[in-house]
Amino acid sequence: MCIRDRYMGNTCIHKKMPKEISDIKRFLQLTKLDEVKEKAAGGESKKPASVSQHKKVLYIKKTKKITKFKLRGRRYLYTFKCQDQTKAQKVLQSLPSNLTRVELGKQQKKAATKKKK
């Protein structure tokens, strides 16, 4: 919490900002981080069920040159950019199976434009 926010009672905006990850290993660690915490705690946590049941969502956006992986965590939005298509496929294969994946692309844009007409 910022010093000025203590007195005003506001939440910090800069703590919610997205972060770009440049290391593949670090990004994969972040995808598996909650699983490790739950196993270390013995499956039980002192937090309410709504907080501990938070699921991470991975948004995948493919373009001609770059594949972007956006991981929505509890606090941050982590972004990993991969320019090599073979590396992007390897990252997709090494992700945990229980992670919710959403593919963003041209199909959603076309559907949105049809609805407007």
PDB file of N, CA and C in Angstrom:
ATOM      1  N   MET A   1       0.841  -1.174   0.000  1.00  0.00           N
ATOM      2  CA  MET A   1       0.000   0.000   0.000  1.00  0.00           C
ATOM      3  C   MET A   1       0.883   1.233   0.000  1.00  0.00           C
ATOM      4  N   CYS A   2       0.569   2.186  -0.814  1.00  0.00           N
ATOM      5  CA  CYS A   2       1.319   3.431  -0.891  1.00  0.00           C
ATOM      6  C   CYS A   2       1.064   4.277   0.351  1.00  0.00           C
ATOM      7  N   ILE A   3       1.983   5.175   0.617  1.00  0.00           N
ATOM      8  CA  ILE A   3       1.832   6.048   1.777  1.00  0.00           C
ATOM      9  C   ILE A   3       0.599   6.931   1.620  1.00  0.00           C
ATOM     10  N   ARG A   4       0.411   7.500   0.441  1.00  0.00           N
ATOM     11  CA  ARG A   4      -0.739   8.378   0.248  1.00  0.00           C
ATOM     12  C   ARG A   4      -2.046   7.609   0.306  1.00  0.00           C
ATOM     13  N   ASP A   5      -2.025   6.334  -0.053  1.00  0.00           N
ATOM     14  CA  ASP A   5      -3.244   5.526  -0.038  1.00  0.00           C
ATOM     15  C   ASP A   5      -3.661   5.150   1.379  1.00  0.00           C
ATOM     16  N   ARG A   6      -2.708   5.105   2.306  1.00  0.00           N
ATOM     17  CA  ARG A   6      -3.069   4.810   3.690  1.00  0.00           C
ATOM     18  C   ARG A   6      -4.010   5.867   4.237  1.00  0.00           C
ATOM     19  N   TYR A   7      -3.745   7.082   3.860  1.00  0.00           N
ATOM     20  CA  TYR A   7      -4.543   8.181   4.379  1.00  0.00           C
ATOM     21  C   TYR A   7      -5.834   8.384   3.601  1.00  0.00           C
ATOM     22  N   MET A   8      -5.819   8.074   2.323  1.00  0.00           N
ATOM     23  CA  MET A   8      -6.999   8.278   1.493  1.00  0.00           C
ATOM     24  C   MET A   8      -7.905   7.056   1.455  1.00  0.00           C
ATOM     25  N   GLY A   9      -7.396   5.899   1.846  1.00  0.00           N
ATOM     26  CA  GLY A   9      -8.202   4.689   1.830  1.00  0.00           C
ATOM     27  C   GLY A   9      -8.391   4.095   0.450  1.00  0.00           C
ATOM     28  N   ASN A  10      -7.547   4.441  -0.499  1.00  0.00           N
ATOM     29  CA  ASN A  10      -7.650   3.930  -1.868  1.00  0.00           C
ATOM     30  C   ASN A  10      -6.742   2.713  -2.041  1.00  0.00           C
ATOM     31  N   THR A  11      -7.033   1.924  -3.062  1.00  0.00           N
ATOM     32  CA  THR A  11      -6.140   0.835  -3.409  1.00  0.00           C
ATOM     33  C   THR A  11      -5.119   1.342  -4.408  1.00  0.00           C
ATOM     34  N   CYS A  12      -3.959   0.737  -4.435  1.00  0.00           N
ATOM     35  CA  CYS A  12      -2.894   1.160  -5.341  1.00  0.00           C
ATOM     36  C   CYS A  12      -3.206   0.717  -6.763  1.00  0.00           C
ATOM     37  N   ILE A  13      -3.065   1.602  -7.702  1.00  0.00           N
ATOM     38  CA  ILE A  13      -3.311   1.276  -9.101  1.00  0.00           C
ATOM     39  C   ILE A  13      -2.114   0.536  -9.684  1.00  0.00           C
ATOM     40  N   HIS A  14      -0.899   0.945  -9.313  1.00  0.00           N
ATOM     41  CA  HIS A  14       0.284   0.351  -9.934  1.00  0.00           C
ATOM     42  C   HIS A  14       0.477  -1.104  -9.539  1.00  0.00           C
ATOM     43  N   LYS A  15      -0.154  -1.588  -8.498  1.00  0.00           N
ATOM     44  CA  LYS A  15      -0.041  -2.989  -8.122  1.00  0.00           C
ATOM     45  C   LYS A  15      -0.872  -3.889  -9.034  1.00  0.00           C
ATOM     46  N   LYS A  16      -1.808  -3.325  -9.766  1.00  0.00           N
ATOM     47  CA  LYS A  16      -2.668  -4.102 -10.651  1.00  0.00           C
ATOM     48  C   LYS A  16      -2.179  -4.082 -12.095  1.00  0.00           C
ATOM     49  N   MET A  17      -1.081  -3.424 -12.362  1.00  0.00           N
ATOM     50  CA  MET A  17      -0.596  -3.271 -13.724  1.00  0.00           C
ATOM     51  C   MET A  17      -0.069  -4.602 -14.270  1.00  0.00           C
ATOM     52  N   PRO A  18      -0.145  -4.800 -15.589  1.00  0.00           N
ATOM     53  CA  PRO A  18       0.368  -6.034 -16.188  1.00  0.00           C
ATOM     54  C   PRO A  18       1.890  -6.092 -16.149  1.00  0.00           C
ATOM     55  N   LYS A  19       2.410  -7.310 -16.179  1.00  0.00           N
ATOM     56  CA  LYS A  19       3.847  -7.512 -16.168  1.00  0.00           C
ATOM     57  C   LYS A  19       4.235  -8.378 -17.357  1.00  0.00           C
ATOM     58  N   GLU A  20       5.332  -8.005 -18.010  1.00  0.00           N
ATOM     59  CA  GLU A  20       5.823  -8.796 -19.139  1.00  0.00           C
ATOM     60  C   GLU A  20       6.950  -9.692 -18.660  1.00  0.00           C
ATOM     61  N   ILE A  21       6.835 -10.970 -18.972  1.00  0.00           N
ATOM     62  CA  ILE A  21       7.835 -11.969 -18.600  1.00  0.00           C
ATOM     63  C   ILE A  21       8.626 -12.308 -19.857  1.00  0.00           C
ATOM     64  N   SER A  22       9.950 -12.291 -19.754  1.00  0.00           N
ATOM     65  CA  SER A  22      10.773 -12.585 -20.927  1.00  0.00           C
ATOM     66  C   SER A  22      11.386 -13.984 -20.875  1.00  0.00           C
ATOM     67  N   ASP A  23      11.316 -14.644 -19.729  1.00  0.00           N
ATOM     68  CA  ASP A  23      11.920 -15.962 -19.562  1.00  0.00           C
ATOM     69  C   ASP A  23      10.837 -17.044 -19.613  1.00  0.00           C
ATOM     70  N   ILE A  24      11.050 -18.064 -20.446  1.00  0.00           N
ATOM     71  CA  ILE A  24      10.074 -19.143 -20.604  1.00  0.00           C
ATOM     72  C   ILE A  24       9.902 -19.912 -19.307  1.00  0.00           C
ATOM     73  N   LYS A  25      11.013 -20.218 -18.646  1.00  0.00           N
ATOM     74  CA  LYS A  25      10.944 -20.997 -17.404  1.00  0.00           C
ATOM     75  C   LYS A  25      10.160 -20.258 -16.328  1.00  0.00           C
ATOM     76  N   ARG A  26      10.352 -18.956 -16.228  1.00  0.00           N
ATOM     77  CA  ARG A  26       9.639 -18.159 -15.231  1.00  0.00           C
ATOM     78  C   ARG A  26       8.140 -18.147 -15.529  1.00  0.00           C
ATOM     79  N   PHE A  27       7.776 -18.053 -16.809  1.00  0.00           N
ATOM     80  CA  PHE A  27       6.369 -18.049 -17.186  1.00  0.00           C
ATOM     81  C   PHE A  27       5.710 -19.384 -16.847  1.00  0.00           C
ATOM     82  N   LEU A  28       6.406 -20.475 -17.123  1.00  0.00           N
ATOM     83  CA  LEU A  28       5.853 -21.796 -16.809  1.00  0.00           C
ATOM     84  C   LEU A  28       5.740 -22.002 -15.308  1.00  0.00           C
ATOM     85  N   GLN A  29       6.662 -21.428 -14.538  1.00  0.00           N
ATOM     86  CA  GLN A  29       6.565 -21.496 -13.080  1.00  0.00           C
ATOM     87  C   GLN A  29       5.308 -20.788 -12.593  1.00  0.00           C
ATOM     88  N   LEU A  30       5.010 -19.649 -13.199  1.00  0.00           N
ATOM     89  CA  LEU A  30       3.836 -18.892 -12.794  1.00  0.00           C
ATOM     90  C   LEU A  30       2.545 -19.649 -13.088  1.00  0.00           C
ATOM     91  N   THR A  31       2.526 -20.445 -14.150  1.00  0.00           N
ATOM     92  CA  THR A  31       1.324 -21.208 -14.467  1.00  0.00           C
ATOM     93  C   THR A  31       1.081 -22.317 -13.451  1.00  0.00           C
ATOM     94  N   LYS A  32       2.156 -22.825 -12.842  1.00  0.00           N
ATOM     95  CA  LYS A  32       2.039 -23.937 -11.903  1.00  0.00           C
ATOM     96  C   LYS A  32       2.132 -23.500 -10.440  1.00  0.00           C
ATOM     97  N   LEU A  33       2.216 -22.217 -10.183  1.00  0.00           N
ATOM     98  CA  LEU A  33       2.485 -21.708  -8.846  1.00  0.00           C
ATOM     99  C   LEU A  33       1.400 -22.045  -7.836  1.00  0.00           C
ATOM    100  N   ASP A  34       0.127 -21.887  -8.166  1.00  0.00           N
ATOM    101  CA  ASP A  34      -0.951 -22.152  -7.220  1.00  0.00           C
ATOM    102  C   ASP A  34      -1.028 -23.615  -6.838  1.00  0.00           C
ATOM    103  N   GLU A  35      -0.728 -24.523  -7.766  1.00  0.00           N
ATOM    104  CA  GLU A  35      -0.758 -25.944  -7.467  1.00  0.00           C
ATOM    105  C   GLU A  35       0.232 -26.283  -6.365  1.00  0.00           C
ATOM    106  N   VAL A  36       1.411 -25.692  -6.429  1.00  0.00           N
ATOM    107  CA  VAL A  36       2.458 -25.968  -5.453  1.00  0.00           C
ATOM    108  C   VAL A  36       2.042 -25.459  -4.079  1.00  0.00           C
ATOM    109  N   LYS A  37       1.459 -24.276  -4.012  1.00  0.00           N
ATOM    110  CA  LYS A  37       1.041 -23.707  -2.733  1.00  0.00           C
ATOM    111  C   LYS A  37      -0.030 -24.559  -2.073  1.00  0.00           C
ATOM    112  N   GLU A  38      -0.988 -25.070  -2.861  1.00  0.00           N
ATOM    113  CA  GLU A  38      -2.057 -25.889  -2.305  1.00  0.00           C
ATOM    114  C   GLU A  38      -1.530 -27.220  -1.792  1.00  0.00           C
ATOM    115  N   LYS A  39      -0.574 -27.826  -2.504  1.00  0.00           N
ATOM    116  CA  LYS A  39      -0.012 -29.093  -2.059  1.00  0.00           C
ATOM    117  C   LYS A  39       0.822 -28.912  -0.802  1.00  0.00           C
ATOM    118  N   ALA A  40       1.546 -27.810  -0.700  1.00  0.00           N
ATOM    119  CA  ALA A  40       2.375 -27.558   0.469  1.00  0.00           C
ATOM    120  C   ALA A  40       1.520 -27.315   1.705  1.00  0.00           C
ATOM    121  N   ALA A  41       0.341 -26.746   1.538  1.00  0.00           N
ATOM    122  CA  ALA A  41      -0.540 -26.462   2.661  1.00  0.00           C
ATOM    123  C   ALA A  41      -1.360 -27.684   3.061  1.00  0.00           C
ATOM    124  N   GLY A  42      -1.200 -28.765   2.355  1.00  0.00           N
ATOM    125  CA  GLY A  42      -1.937 -29.975   2.685  1.00  0.00           C
ATOM    126  C   GLY A  42      -3.350 -29.967   2.132  1.00  0.00           C
ATOM    127  N   GLY A  43      -3.610 -29.115   1.176  1.00  0.00           N
ATOM    128  CA  GLY A  43      -4.922 -29.068   0.558  1.00  0.00           C
ATOM    129  C   GLY A  43      -5.909 -28.187   1.296  1.00  0.00           C
ATOM    130  N   GLU A  44      -5.603 -27.804   2.536  1.00  0.00           N
ATOM    131  CA  GLU A  44      -6.498 -26.954   3.301  1.00  0.00           C
ATOM    132  C   GLU A  44      -5.896 -25.570   3.434  1.00  0.00           C
ATOM    133  N   SER A  45      -6.713 -24.564   3.293  1.00  0.00           N
ATOM    134  CA  SER A  45      -6.233 -23.204   3.461  1.00  0.00           C
ATOM    135  C   SER A  45      -7.154 -22.459   4.416  1.00  0.00           C
ATOM    136  N   LYS A  46      -6.619 -21.424   5.048  1.00  0.00           N
ATOM    137  CA  LYS A  46      -7.387 -20.635   5.994  1.00  0.00           C
ATOM    138  C   LYS A  46      -8.240 -19.588   5.301  1.00  0.00           C
ATOM    139  N   LYS A  47      -8.020 -19.364   4.028  1.00  0.00           N
ATOM    140  CA  LYS A  47      -8.768 -18.371   3.268  1.00  0.00           C
ATOM    141  C   LYS A  47     -10.151 -18.904   2.918  1.00  0.00           C
ATOM    142  N   PRO A  48     -11.110 -18.018   2.668  1.00  0.00           N
ATOM    143  CA  PRO A  48     -12.442 -18.469   2.250  1.00  0.00           C
ATOM    144  C   PRO A  48     -12.386 -19.249   0.951  1.00  0.00           C
ATOM    145  N   ALA A  49     -13.410 -20.054   0.708  1.00  0.00           N
ATOM    146  CA  ALA A  49     -13.436 -20.927  -0.474  1.00  0.00           C
ATOM    147  C   ALA A  49     -13.401 -20.126  -1.764  1.00  0.00           C
ATOM    148  N   SER A  50     -13.994 -18.946  -1.784  1.00  0.00           N
ATOM    149  CA  SER A  50     -14.026 -18.157  -3.017  1.00  0.00           C
ATOM    150  C   SER A  50     -12.641 -17.684  -3.412  1.00  0.00           C
ATOM    151  N   VAL A  51     -11.781 -17.416  -2.429  1.00  0.00           N
ATOM    152  CA  VAL A  51     -10.430 -16.943  -2.719  1.00  0.00           C
ATOM    153  C   VAL A  51      -9.551 -18.099  -3.171  1.00  0.00           C
ATOM    154  N   SER A  52      -9.637 -19.237  -2.500  1.00  0.00           N
ATOM    155  CA  SER A  52      -8.768 -20.357  -2.838  1.00  0.00           C
ATOM    156  C   SER A  52      -9.196 -21.050  -4.134  1.00  0.00           C
ATOM    157  N   GLN A  53     -10.434 -20.854  -4.569  1.00  0.00           N
ATOM    158  CA  GLN A  53     -10.925 -21.484  -5.784  1.00  0.00           C
ATOM    159  C   GLN A  53     -10.638 -20.659  -7.036  1.00  0.00           C
ATOM    160  N   HIS A  54      -9.851 -19.598  -6.908  1.00  0.00           N
ATOM    161  CA  HIS A  54      -9.538 -18.747  -8.061  1.00  0.00           C
ATOM    162  C   HIS A  54      -8.758 -19.542  -9.093  1.00  0.00           C
ATOM    163  N   LYS A  55      -9.259 -19.565 -10.312  1.00  0.00           N
ATOM    164  CA  LYS A  55      -8.584 -20.288 -11.383  1.00  0.00           C
ATOM    165  C   LYS A  55      -7.858 -19.310 -12.282  1.00  0.00           C
ATOM    166  N   LYS A  56      -6.695 -19.708 -12.711  1.00  0.00           N
ATOM    167  CA  LYS A  56      -5.941 -18.897 -13.652  1.00  0.00           C
ATOM    168  C   LYS A  56      -6.465 -19.165 -15.056  1.00  0.00           C
ATOM    169  N   VAL A  57      -6.489 -18.118 -15.855  1.00  0.00           N
ATOM    170  CA  VAL A  57      -6.957 -18.223 -17.236  1.00  0.00           C
ATOM    171  C   VAL A  57      -5.820 -17.791 -18.147  1.00  0.00           C
ATOM    172  N   LEU A  58      -5.567 -18.582 -19.185  1.00  0.00           N
ATOM    173  CA  LEU A  58      -4.525 -18.277 -20.155  1.00  0.00           C
ATOM    174  C   LEU A  58      -5.175 -17.867 -21.467  1.00  0.00           C
ATOM    175  N   TYR A  59      -4.905 -16.637 -21.894  1.00  0.00           N
ATOM    176  CA  TYR A  59      -5.394 -16.138 -23.175  1.00  0.00           C
ATOM    177  C   TYR A  59      -4.258 -16.269 -24.188  1.00  0.00           C
ATOM    178  N   ILE A  60      -4.542 -16.878 -25.323  1.00  0.00           N
ATOM    179  CA  ILE A  60      -3.535 -17.103 -26.363  1.00  0.00           C
ATOM    180  C   ILE A  60      -3.941 -16.310 -27.595  1.00  0.00           C
ATOM    181  N   LYS A  61      -3.064 -15.421 -28.036  1.00  0.00           N
ATOM    182  CA  LYS A  61      -3.335 -14.618 -29.223  1.00  0.00           C
ATOM    183  C   LYS A  61      -2.232 -14.880 -30.233  1.00  0.00           C
ATOM    184  N   LYS A  62      -2.616 -15.444 -31.370  1.00  0.00           N
ATOM    185  CA  LYS A  62      -1.655 -15.768 -32.419  1.00  0.00           C
ATOM    186  C   LYS A  62      -1.776 -14.763 -33.554  1.00  0.00           C
ATOM    187  N   THR A  63      -0.625 -14.246 -33.984  1.00  0.00           N
ATOM    188  CA  THR A  63      -0.556 -13.409 -35.178  1.00  0.00           C
ATOM    189  C   THR A  63       0.419 -14.078 -36.138  1.00  0.00           C
ATOM    190  N   LYS A  64       0.717 -13.422 -37.244  1.00  0.00           N
ATOM    191  CA  LYS A  64       1.629 -14.019 -38.222  1.00  0.00           C
ATOM    192  C   LYS A  64       3.037 -14.190 -37.666  1.00  0.00           C
ATOM    193  N   LYS A  65       3.505 -13.224 -36.876  1.00  0.00           N
ATOM    194  CA  LYS A  65       4.880 -13.252 -36.385  1.00  0.00           C
ATOM    195  C   LYS A  65       5.006 -13.605 -34.911  1.00  0.00           C
ATOM    196  N   ILE A  66       4.053 -13.193 -34.094  1.00  0.00           N
ATOM    197  CA  ILE A  66       4.193 -13.320 -32.647  1.00  0.00           C
ATOM    198  C   ILE A  66       3.011 -14.090 -32.063  1.00  0.00           C
ATOM    199  N   THR A  67       3.304 -14.922 -31.067  1.00  0.00           N
ATOM    200  CA  THR A  67       2.266 -15.553 -30.269  1.00  0.00           C
ATOM    201  C   THR A  67       2.365 -14.977 -28.863  1.00  0.00           C
ATOM    202  N   LYS A  68       1.244 -14.463 -28.364  1.00  0.00           N
ATOM    203  CA  LYS A  68       1.231 -13.865 -27.032  1.00  0.00           C
ATOM    204  C   LYS A  68       0.463 -14.774 -26.089  1.00  0.00           C
ATOM    205  N   PHE A  69       1.049 -15.020 -24.931  1.00  0.00           N
ATOM    206  CA  PHE A  69       0.403 -15.778 -23.871  1.00  0.00           C
ATOM    207  C   PHE A  69       0.122 -14.806 -22.738  1.00  0.00           C
ATOM    208  N   LYS A  70      -1.139 -14.652 -22.379  1.00  0.00           N
ATOM    209  CA  LYS A  70      -1.508 -13.737 -21.302  1.00  0.00           C
ATOM    210  C   LYS A  70      -2.127 -14.553 -20.181  1.00  0.00           C
ATOM    211  N   LEU A  71      -1.480 -14.565 -19.053  1.00  0.00           N
ATOM    212  CA  LEU A  71      -1.915 -15.347 -17.904  1.00  0.00           C
ATOM    213  C   LEU A  71      -2.571 -14.414 -16.892  1.00  0.00           C
ATOM    214  N   ARG A  72      -3.854 -14.591 -16.661  1.00  0.00           N
ATOM    215  CA  ARG A  72      -4.585 -13.777 -15.688  1.00  0.00           C
ATOM    216  C   ARG A  72      -4.512 -14.472 -14.336  1.00  0.00           C
ATOM    217  N   GLY A  73      -3.738 -13.887 -13.448  1.00  0.00           N
ATOM    218  CA  GLY A  73      -3.610 -14.418 -12.105  1.00  0.00           C
ATOM    219  C   GLY A  73      -4.533 -13.690 -11.159  1.00  0.00           C
ATOM    220  N   ARG A  74      -4.349 -13.938  -9.880  1.00  0.00           N
ATOM    221  CA  ARG A  74      -5.187 -13.302  -8.877  1.00  0.00           C
ATOM    222  C   ARG A  74      -4.941 -11.799  -8.820  1.00  0.00           C
ATOM    223  N   ARG A  75      -3.696 -11.405  -8.956  1.00  0.00           N
ATOM    224  CA  ARG A  75      -3.347  -9.994  -8.822  1.00  0.00           C
ATOM    225  C   ARG A  75      -2.881  -9.365 -10.131  1.00  0.00           C
ATOM    226  N   TYR A  76      -2.090 -10.077 -10.909  1.00  0.00           N
ATOM    227  CA  TYR A  76      -1.454  -9.497 -12.097  1.00  0.00           C
ATOM    228  C   TYR A  76      -1.909 -10.189 -13.379  1.00  0.00           C
ATOM    229  N   LEU A  77      -1.669  -9.504 -14.480  1.00  0.00           N
ATOM    230  CA  LEU A  77      -1.799 -10.090 -15.808  1.00  0.00           C
ATOM    231  C   LEU A  77      -0.380 -10.224 -16.349  1.00  0.00           C
ATOM    232  N   TYR A  78       0.090 -11.459 -16.489  1.00  0.00           N
ATOM    233  CA  TYR A  78       1.440 -11.723 -16.971  1.00  0.00           C
ATOM    234  C   TYR A  78       1.380 -11.976 -18.471  1.00  0.00           C
ATOM    235  N   THR A  79       2.292 -11.356 -19.216  1.00  0.00           N
ATOM    236  CA  THR A  79       2.337 -11.509 -20.664  1.00  0.00           C
ATOM    237  C   THR A  79       3.679 -12.088 -21.079  1.00  0.00           C
ATOM    238  N   PHE A  80       3.633 -13.091 -21.933  1.00  0.00           N
ATOM    239  CA  PHE A  80       4.839 -13.686 -22.504  1.00  0.00           C
ATOM    240  C   PHE A  80       4.701 -13.668 -24.016  1.00  0.00           C
ATOM    241  N   LYS A  81       5.674 -13.072 -24.703  1.00  0.00           N
ATOM    242  CA  LYS A  81       5.655 -12.997 -26.166  1.00  0.00           C
ATOM    243  C   LYS A  81       6.682 -13.961 -26.733  1.00  0.00           C
ATOM    244  N   CYS A  82       6.255 -14.713 -27.737  1.00  0.00           N
ATOM    245  CA  CYS A  82       7.133 -15.684 -28.378  1.00  0.00           C
ATOM    246  C   CYS A  82       7.094 -15.447 -29.883  1.00  0.00           C
ATOM    247  N   GLN A  83       8.270 -15.180 -30.463  1.00  0.00           N
ATOM    248  CA  GLN A  83       8.327 -14.904 -31.896  1.00  0.00           C
ATOM    249  C   GLN A  83       8.509 -16.167 -32.724  1.00  0.00           C
ATOM    250  N   ASP A  84       9.029 -17.204 -32.129  1.00  0.00           N
ATOM    251  CA  ASP A  84       9.262 -18.460 -32.835  1.00  0.00           C
ATOM    252  C   ASP A  84       8.037 -19.376 -32.658  1.00  0.00           C
ATOM    253  N   GLN A  85       7.461 -19.837 -33.766  1.00  0.00           N
ATOM    254  CA  GLN A  85       6.259 -20.660 -33.715  1.00  0.00           C
ATOM    255  C   GLN A  85       6.512 -22.035 -33.103  1.00  0.00           C
ATOM    256  N   THR A  86       7.714 -22.590 -33.306  1.00  0.00           N
ATOM    257  CA  THR A  86       8.009 -23.901 -32.721  1.00  0.00           C
ATOM    258  C   THR A  86       8.126 -23.800 -31.202  1.00  0.00           C
ATOM    259  N   LYS A  87       8.709 -22.708 -30.709  1.00  0.00           N
ATOM    260  CA  LYS A  87       8.788 -22.505 -29.261  1.00  0.00           C
ATOM    261  C   LYS A  87       7.391 -22.305 -28.671  1.00  0.00           C
ATOM    262  N   ALA A  88       6.539 -21.620 -29.413  1.00  0.00           N
ATOM    263  CA  ALA A  88       5.171 -21.400 -28.939  1.00  0.00           C
ATOM    264  C   ALA A  88       4.428 -22.726 -28.799  1.00  0.00           C
ATOM    265  N   GLN A  89       4.636 -23.643 -29.737  1.00  0.00           N
ATOM    266  CA  GLN A  89       4.006 -24.963 -29.648  1.00  0.00           C
ATOM    267  C   GLN A  89       4.532 -25.748 -28.448  1.00  0.00           C
ATOM    268  N   LYS A  90       5.830 -25.633 -28.167  1.00  0.00           N
ATOM    269  CA  LYS A  90       6.414 -26.317 -27.016  1.00  0.00           C
ATOM    270  C   LYS A  90       5.876 -25.751 -25.704  1.00  0.00           C
ATOM    271  N   VAL A  91       5.680 -24.444 -25.659  1.00  0.00           N
ATOM    272  CA  VAL A  91       5.109 -23.816 -24.462  1.00  0.00           C
ATOM    273  C   VAL A  91       3.684 -24.321 -24.254  1.00  0.00           C
ATOM    274  N   LEU A  92       2.903 -24.410 -25.333  1.00  0.00           N
ATOM    275  CA  LEU A  92       1.533 -24.914 -25.234  1.00  0.00           C
ATOM    276  C   LEU A  92       1.490 -26.353 -24.722  1.00  0.00           C
ATOM    277  N   GLN A  93       2.440 -27.169 -25.145  1.00  0.00           N
ATOM    278  CA  GLN A  93       2.472 -28.562 -24.722  1.00  0.00           C
ATOM    279  C   GLN A  93       2.887 -28.715 -23.263  1.00  0.00           C
ATOM    280  N   SER A  94       3.710 -27.786 -22.774  1.00  0.00           N
ATOM    281  CA  SER A  94       4.214 -27.914 -21.411  1.00  0.00           C
ATOM    282  C   SER A  94       3.320 -27.246 -20.362  1.00  0.00           C
ATOM    283  N   LEU A  95       2.224 -26.629 -20.782  1.00  0.00           N
ATOM    284  CA  LEU A  95       1.307 -25.998 -19.829  1.00  0.00           C
ATOM    285  C   LEU A  95       0.500 -27.057 -19.091  1.00  0.00           C
ATOM    286  N   PRO A  96       0.113 -26.788 -17.847  1.00  0.00           N
ATOM    287  CA  PRO A  96      -0.697 -27.752 -17.103  1.00  0.00           C
ATOM    288  C   PRO A  96      -2.062 -27.952 -17.756  1.00  0.00           C
ATOM    289  N   SER A  97      -2.602 -29.143 -17.632  1.00  0.00           N
ATOM    290  CA  SER A  97      -3.863 -29.467 -18.298  1.00  0.00           C
ATOM    291  C   SER A  97      -5.067 -28.827 -17.611  1.00  0.00           C
ATOM    292  N   ASN A  98      -4.962 -28.515 -16.319  1.00  0.00           N
ATOM    293  CA  ASN A  98      -6.109 -27.943 -15.608  1.00  0.00           C
ATOM    294  C   ASN A  98      -6.227 -26.429 -15.789  1.00  0.00           C
ATOM    295  N   LEU A  99      -5.318 -25.830 -16.540  1.00  0.00           N
ATOM    296  CA  LEU A  99      -5.337 -24.394 -16.802  1.00  0.00           C
ATOM    297  C   LEU A  99      -6.381 -24.083 -17.874  1.00  0.00           C
ATOM    298  N   THR A 100      -7.241 -23.113 -17.613  1.00  0.00           N
ATOM    299  CA  THR A 100      -8.277 -22.724 -18.573  1.00  0.00           C
ATOM    300  C   THR A 100      -7.637 -21.923 -19.696  1.00  0.00           C
ATOM    301  N   ARG A 101      -7.867 -22.378 -20.940  1.00  0.00           N
ATOM    302  CA  ARG A 101      -7.259 -21.716 -22.099  1.00  0.00           C
ATOM    303  C   ARG A 101      -8.336 -21.082 -22.964  1.00  0.00           C
ATOM    304  N   VAL A 102      -8.068 -19.847 -23.389  1.00  0.00           N
ATOM    305  CA  VAL A 102      -8.976 -19.129 -24.285  1.00  0.00           C
ATOM    306  C   VAL A 102      -8.145 -18.620 -25.447  1.00  0.00           C
ATOM    307  N   GLU A 103      -8.530 -19.022 -26.660  1.00  0.00           N
ATOM    308  CA  GLU A 103      -7.793 -18.580 -27.845  1.00  0.00           C
ATOM    309  C   GLU A 103      -8.466 -17.350 -28.428  1.00  0.00           C
ATOM    310  N   LEU A 104      -7.710 -16.269 -28.540  1.00  0.00           N
ATOM    311  CA  LEU A 104      -8.204 -15.034 -29.127  1.00  0.00           C
ATOM    312  C   LEU A 104      -7.712 -14.958 -30.559  1.00  0.00           C
ATOM    313  N   GLY A 105      -8.569 -14.501 -31.441  1.00  0.00           N
ATOM    314  CA  GLY A 105      -8.126 -14.431 -32.827  1.00  0.00           C
ATOM    315  C   GLY A 105      -9.120 -13.713 -33.702  1.00  0.00           C
ATOM    316  N   LYS A 106      -9.009 -13.960 -34.973  1.00  0.00           N
ATOM    317  CA  LYS A 106      -9.832 -13.276 -35.967  1.00  0.00           C
ATOM    318  C   LYS A 106     -11.292 -13.710 -35.900  1.00  0.00           C
ATOM    319  N   GLN A 107     -11.560 -14.931 -35.447  1.00  0.00           N
ATOM    320  CA  GLN A 107     -12.925 -15.433 -35.411  1.00  0.00           C
ATOM    321  C   GLN A 107     -13.809 -14.584 -34.514  1.00  0.00           C
ATOM    322  N   GLN A 108     -13.298 -14.175 -33.382  1.00  0.00           N
ATOM    323  CA  GLN A 108     -14.095 -13.367 -32.464  1.00  0.00           C
ATOM    324  C   GLN A 108     -14.331 -11.976 -33.021  1.00  0.00           C
ATOM    325  N   LYS A 109     -13.348 -11.420 -33.728  1.00  0.00           N
ATOM    326  CA  LYS A 109     -13.511 -10.089 -34.317  1.00  0.00           C
ATOM    327  C   LYS A 109     -14.585 -10.115 -35.403  1.00  0.00           C
ATOM    328  N   LYS A 110     -14.594 -11.160 -36.233  1.00  0.00           N
ATOM    329  CA  LYS A 110     -15.585 -11.264 -37.294  1.00  0.00           C
ATOM    330  C   LYS A 110     -16.978 -11.414 -36.711  1.00  0.00           C
ATOM    331  N   ALA A 111     -17.109 -12.198 -35.658  1.00  0.00           N
ATOM    332  CA  ALA A 111     -18.411 -12.393 -35.034  1.00  0.00           C
ATOM    333  C   ALA A 111     -18.925 -11.099 -34.409  1.00  0.00           C
ATOM    334  N   ALA A 112     -18.026 -10.300 -33.860  1.00  0.00           N
ATOM    335  CA  ALA A 112     -18.412  -9.035 -33.243  1.00  0.00           C
ATOM    336  C   ALA A 112     -18.891  -8.036 -34.292  1.00  0.00           C
ATOM    337  N   THR A 113     -18.256  -8.033 -35.463  1.00  0.00           N
ATOM    338  CA  THR A 113     -18.675  -7.105 -36.518  1.00  0.00           C
ATOM    339  C   THR A 113     -20.015  -7.519 -37.117  1.00  0.00           C
ATOM    340  N   LYS A 114     -20.302  -8.812 -37.183  1.00  0.00           N
ATOM    341  CA  LYS A 114     -21.589  -9.279 -37.712  1.00  0.00           C
ATOM    342  C   LYS A 114     -22.734  -8.884 -36.777  1.00  0.00           C
ATOM    343  N   LYS A 115     -22.484  -8.899 -35.484  1.00  0.00           N
ATOM    344  CA  LYS A 115     -23.523  -8.548 -34.531  1.00  0.00           C
ATOM    345  C   LYS A 115     -23.881  -7.065 -34.613  1.00  0.00           C
ATOM    346  N   LYS A 116     -22.900  -6.224 -34.933  1.00  0.00           N
ATOM    347  CA  LYS A 116     -23.150  -4.797 -35.009  1.00  0.00           C
ATOM    348  C   LYS A 116     -24.030  -4.422 -36.181  1.00  0.00           C
ATOM    349  N   LYS A 117     -23.959  -5.173 -37.265  1.00  0.00           N
ATOM    350  CA  LYS A 117     -24.729  -4.857 -38.493  1.00  0.00           C
ATOM    351  C   LYS A 117     -26.144  -5.184 -38.341  1.00  0.00           C
TER     352      LYS A 117
END
